[in-house]
Amino acid sequence: MTVIGGMPAKPRVSNNLPQAMKAVREIRGLTQEDFGLVSSRTYLSGLERGLKSPTLGKLEQIASVMQVHPLTLLALTYASTPSREAAAEVLDRVCQDLVRLWSEDV
């Protein structure tokens, strides 16, 4: 881990949200047109190509159409590959972080 000024540097994360969204959409058998009530096909295409970034509210709406929790998309975003195993590793890390946060004396 790199340390800058006494604090650990944040690990560099690539933006895998476009791949995560497309993978879940395809697994669910959805087309871009199926998101018409929450987004235009053009906007969704821009998201999937990495040209646009959704707000958390828009991510919630998109996840709702996909019938997944928004954290599912985020877990896949931070996973090394869009796979069940890689997403499970990310979620395990998040669970460990949450346990440590609430077990520390504040």
C-alpha atoms as a PDB file:
ATOM      1  CA  MET A   1       0.000   0.000   0.000  1.00  0.00           C
ATOM      2  CA  THR A   2       1.336   3.431  -0.896  1.00  0.00           C
ATOM      3  CA  VAL A   3       1.507   5.973   1.906  1.00  0.00           C
ATOM      4  CA  ILE A   4       1.278   9.687   1.146  1.00  0.00           C
ATOM      5  CA  GLY A   5       1.831  12.211   3.912  1.00  0.00           C
ATOM      6  CA  GLY A   6       1.321   9.591   6.646  1.00  0.00           C
ATOM      7  CA  MET A   7      -2.022   8.446   5.213  1.00  0.00           C
ATOM      8  CA  PRO A   8      -2.579   5.427   2.984  1.00  0.00           C
ATOM      9  CA  ALA A   9      -3.284   6.413  -0.605  1.00  0.00           C
ATOM     10  CA  LYS A  10      -6.608   5.352  -2.053  1.00  0.00           C
ATOM     11  CA  PRO A  11      -6.266   2.399  -4.394  1.00  0.00           C
ATOM     12  CA  ARG A  12      -6.833   3.307  -8.011  1.00  0.00           C
ATOM     13  CA  VAL A  13     -10.164   2.013  -9.249  1.00  0.00           C
ATOM     14  CA  SER A  14     -11.165   1.751 -12.870  1.00  0.00           C
ATOM     15  CA  ASN A  15     -14.743   2.533 -13.786  1.00  0.00           C
ATOM     16  CA  ASN A  16     -16.382  -0.808 -14.473  1.00  0.00           C
ATOM     17  CA  LEU A  17     -19.932   0.506 -14.026  1.00  0.00           C
ATOM     18  CA  PRO A  18     -20.605   0.446 -17.783  1.00  0.00           C
ATOM     19  CA  GLN A  19     -19.601  -3.219 -18.006  1.00  0.00           C
ATOM     20  CA  ALA A  20     -21.522  -4.089 -14.834  1.00  0.00           C
ATOM     21  CA  MET A  21     -24.706  -2.430 -16.093  1.00  0.00           C
ATOM     22  CA  LYS A  22     -24.496  -4.104 -19.480  1.00  0.00           C
ATOM     23  CA  ALA A  23     -23.745  -7.522 -17.956  1.00  0.00           C
ATOM     24  CA  VAL A  24     -26.734  -7.371 -15.583  1.00  0.00           C
ATOM     25  CA  ARG A  25     -29.015  -6.018 -18.305  1.00  0.00           C
ATOM     26  CA  GLU A  26     -28.056  -8.883 -20.615  1.00  0.00           C
ATOM     27  CA  ILE A  27     -28.334 -11.519 -17.846  1.00  0.00           C
ATOM     28  CA  ARG A  28     -31.841 -10.220 -17.143  1.00  0.00           C
ATOM     29  CA  GLY A  29     -32.668 -10.356 -20.863  1.00  0.00           C
ATOM     30  CA  LEU A  30     -33.464  -6.657 -21.014  1.00  0.00           C
ATOM     31  CA  THR A  31     -32.996  -4.308 -23.938  1.00  0.00           C
ATOM     32  CA  GLN A  32     -32.105  -0.646 -23.602  1.00  0.00           C
ATOM     33  CA  GLU A  33     -35.666   0.127 -24.668  1.00  0.00           C
ATOM     34  CA  ASP A  34     -36.976  -1.701 -21.560  1.00  0.00           C
ATOM     35  CA  PHE A  35     -35.747   1.236 -19.459  1.00  0.00           C
ATOM     36  CA  GLY A  36     -38.060   3.704 -21.200  1.00  0.00           C
ATOM     37  CA  LEU A  37     -39.947   4.615 -18.025  1.00  0.00           C
ATOM     38  CA  VAL A  38     -36.759   5.657 -16.192  1.00  0.00           C
ATOM     39  CA  SER A  39     -34.329   6.592 -18.957  1.00  0.00           C
ATOM     40  CA  SER A  40     -33.981   7.114 -22.670  1.00  0.00           C
ATOM     41  CA  ARG A  41     -32.228   4.479 -24.762  1.00  0.00           C
ATOM     42  CA  THR A  42     -29.657   7.121 -25.750  1.00  0.00           C
ATOM     43  CA  TYR A  43     -28.848   7.926 -22.113  1.00  0.00           C
ATOM     44  CA  LEU A  44     -28.560   4.234 -21.195  1.00  0.00           C
ATOM     45  CA  SER A  45     -26.294   3.678 -24.193  1.00  0.00           C
ATOM     46  CA  GLY A  46     -24.114   6.557 -22.986  1.00  0.00           C
ATOM     47  CA  LEU A  47     -23.911   4.981 -19.531  1.00  0.00           C
ATOM     48  CA  GLU A  48     -22.968   1.599 -20.953  1.00  0.00           C
ATOM     49  CA  ARG A  49     -20.269   3.161 -23.111  1.00  0.00           C
ATOM     50  CA  GLY A  50     -18.831   5.109 -20.166  1.00  0.00           C
ATOM     51  CA  LEU A  51     -19.709   8.483 -21.675  1.00  0.00           C
ATOM     52  CA  LYS A  52     -22.070   9.423 -18.843  1.00  0.00           C
ATOM     53  CA  SER A  53     -22.200   8.840 -15.081  1.00  0.00           C
ATOM     54  CA  PRO A  54     -25.522   8.317 -13.324  1.00  0.00           C
ATOM     55  CA  THR A  55     -26.578   9.993 -10.111  1.00  0.00           C
ATOM     56  CA  LEU A  56     -27.376   7.694  -7.208  1.00  0.00           C
ATOM     57  CA  GLY A  57     -31.073   8.335  -7.807  1.00  0.00           C
ATOM     58  CA  LYS A  58     -30.795   7.328 -11.466  1.00  0.00           C
ATOM     59  CA  LEU A  59     -28.737   4.262 -10.499  1.00  0.00           C
ATOM     60  CA  GLU A  60     -31.562   3.263  -8.133  1.00  0.00           C
ATOM     61  CA  GLN A  61     -34.118   3.605 -10.926  1.00  0.00           C
ATOM     62  CA  ILE A  62     -32.019   1.577 -13.347  1.00  0.00           C
ATOM     63  CA  ALA A  63     -31.382  -1.122 -10.716  1.00  0.00           C
ATOM     64  CA  SER A  64     -35.121  -1.260 -10.055  1.00  0.00           C
ATOM     65  CA  VAL A  65     -35.828  -2.049 -13.711  1.00  0.00           C
ATOM     66  CA  MET A  66     -33.136  -4.746 -13.527  1.00  0.00           C
ATOM     67  CA  GLN A  67     -34.731  -6.056 -10.312  1.00  0.00           C
ATOM     68  CA  VAL A  68     -31.463  -5.849  -8.379  1.00  0.00           C
ATOM     69  CA  HIS A  69     -30.282  -3.747  -5.445  1.00  0.00           C
ATOM     70  CA  PRO A  70     -28.132  -0.759  -6.502  1.00  0.00           C
ATOM     71  CA  LEU A  71     -25.297  -2.248  -4.431  1.00  0.00           C
ATOM     72  CA  THR A  72     -25.320  -5.222  -6.787  1.00  0.00           C
ATOM     73  CA  LEU A  73     -24.306  -2.917  -9.613  1.00  0.00           C
ATOM     74  CA  LEU A  74     -21.716  -1.211  -7.420  1.00  0.00           C
ATOM     75  CA  ALA A  75     -20.278  -4.539  -6.237  1.00  0.00           C
ATOM     76  CA  LEU A  76     -19.857  -5.572  -9.859  1.00  0.00           C
ATOM     77  CA  THR A  77     -18.353  -2.154 -10.613  1.00  0.00           C
ATOM     78  CA  TYR A  78     -15.594  -2.670  -8.059  1.00  0.00           C
ATOM     79  CA  ALA A  79     -15.125  -6.364  -8.841  1.00  0.00           C
ATOM     80  CA  SER A  80     -12.092  -7.405 -10.854  1.00  0.00           C
ATOM     81  CA  THR A  81     -14.441  -9.058 -13.374  1.00  0.00           C
ATOM     82  CA  PRO A  82     -18.248  -9.004 -13.684  1.00  0.00           C
ATOM     83  CA  SER A  83     -18.643 -12.381 -11.963  1.00  0.00           C
ATOM     84  CA  ARG A  84     -20.426 -13.770  -8.945  1.00  0.00           C
ATOM     85  CA  GLU A  85     -17.151 -14.685  -7.247  1.00  0.00           C
ATOM     86  CA  ALA A  86     -15.500 -11.305  -7.772  1.00  0.00           C
ATOM     87  CA  ALA A  87     -18.610  -9.447  -6.579  1.00  0.00           C
ATOM     88  CA  ALA A  88     -18.765 -11.696  -3.492  1.00  0.00           C
ATOM     89  CA  GLU A  89     -15.165 -10.723  -2.668  1.00  0.00           C
ATOM     90  CA  VAL A  90     -16.105  -7.040  -2.858  1.00  0.00           C
ATOM     91  CA  LEU A  91     -19.165  -7.540  -0.670  1.00  0.00           C
ATOM     92  CA  ASP A  92     -17.116  -9.538   1.845  1.00  0.00           C
ATOM     93  CA  ARG A  93     -14.691  -6.617   2.063  1.00  0.00           C
ATOM     94  CA  VAL A  94     -17.592  -4.190   2.578  1.00  0.00           C
ATOM     95  CA  CYS A  95     -19.011  -6.383   5.371  1.00  0.00           C
ATOM     96  CA  GLN A  96     -15.603  -6.495   7.060  1.00  0.00           C
ATOM     97  CA  ASP A  97     -15.312  -2.709   6.785  1.00  0.00           C
ATOM     98  CA  LEU A  98     -18.759  -2.211   8.324  1.00  0.00           C
ATOM     99  CA  VAL A  99     -18.004  -4.572  11.197  1.00  0.00           C
ATOM    100  CA  ARG A 100     -14.727  -2.728  11.902  1.00  0.00           C
ATOM    101  CA  LEU A 101     -16.419   0.684  11.708  1.00  0.00           C
ATOM    102  CA  TRP A 102     -19.012  -0.189  14.310  1.00  0.00           C
ATOM    103  CA  SER A 103     -16.646  -2.144  16.567  1.00  0.00           C
ATOM    104  CA  GLU A 104     -14.142   0.708  16.941  1.00  0.00           C
ATOM    105  CA  ASP A 105     -14.368   2.975  19.962  1.00  0.00           C
ATOM    106  CA  VAL A 106     -15.527   6.305  18.673  1.00  0.00           C
END
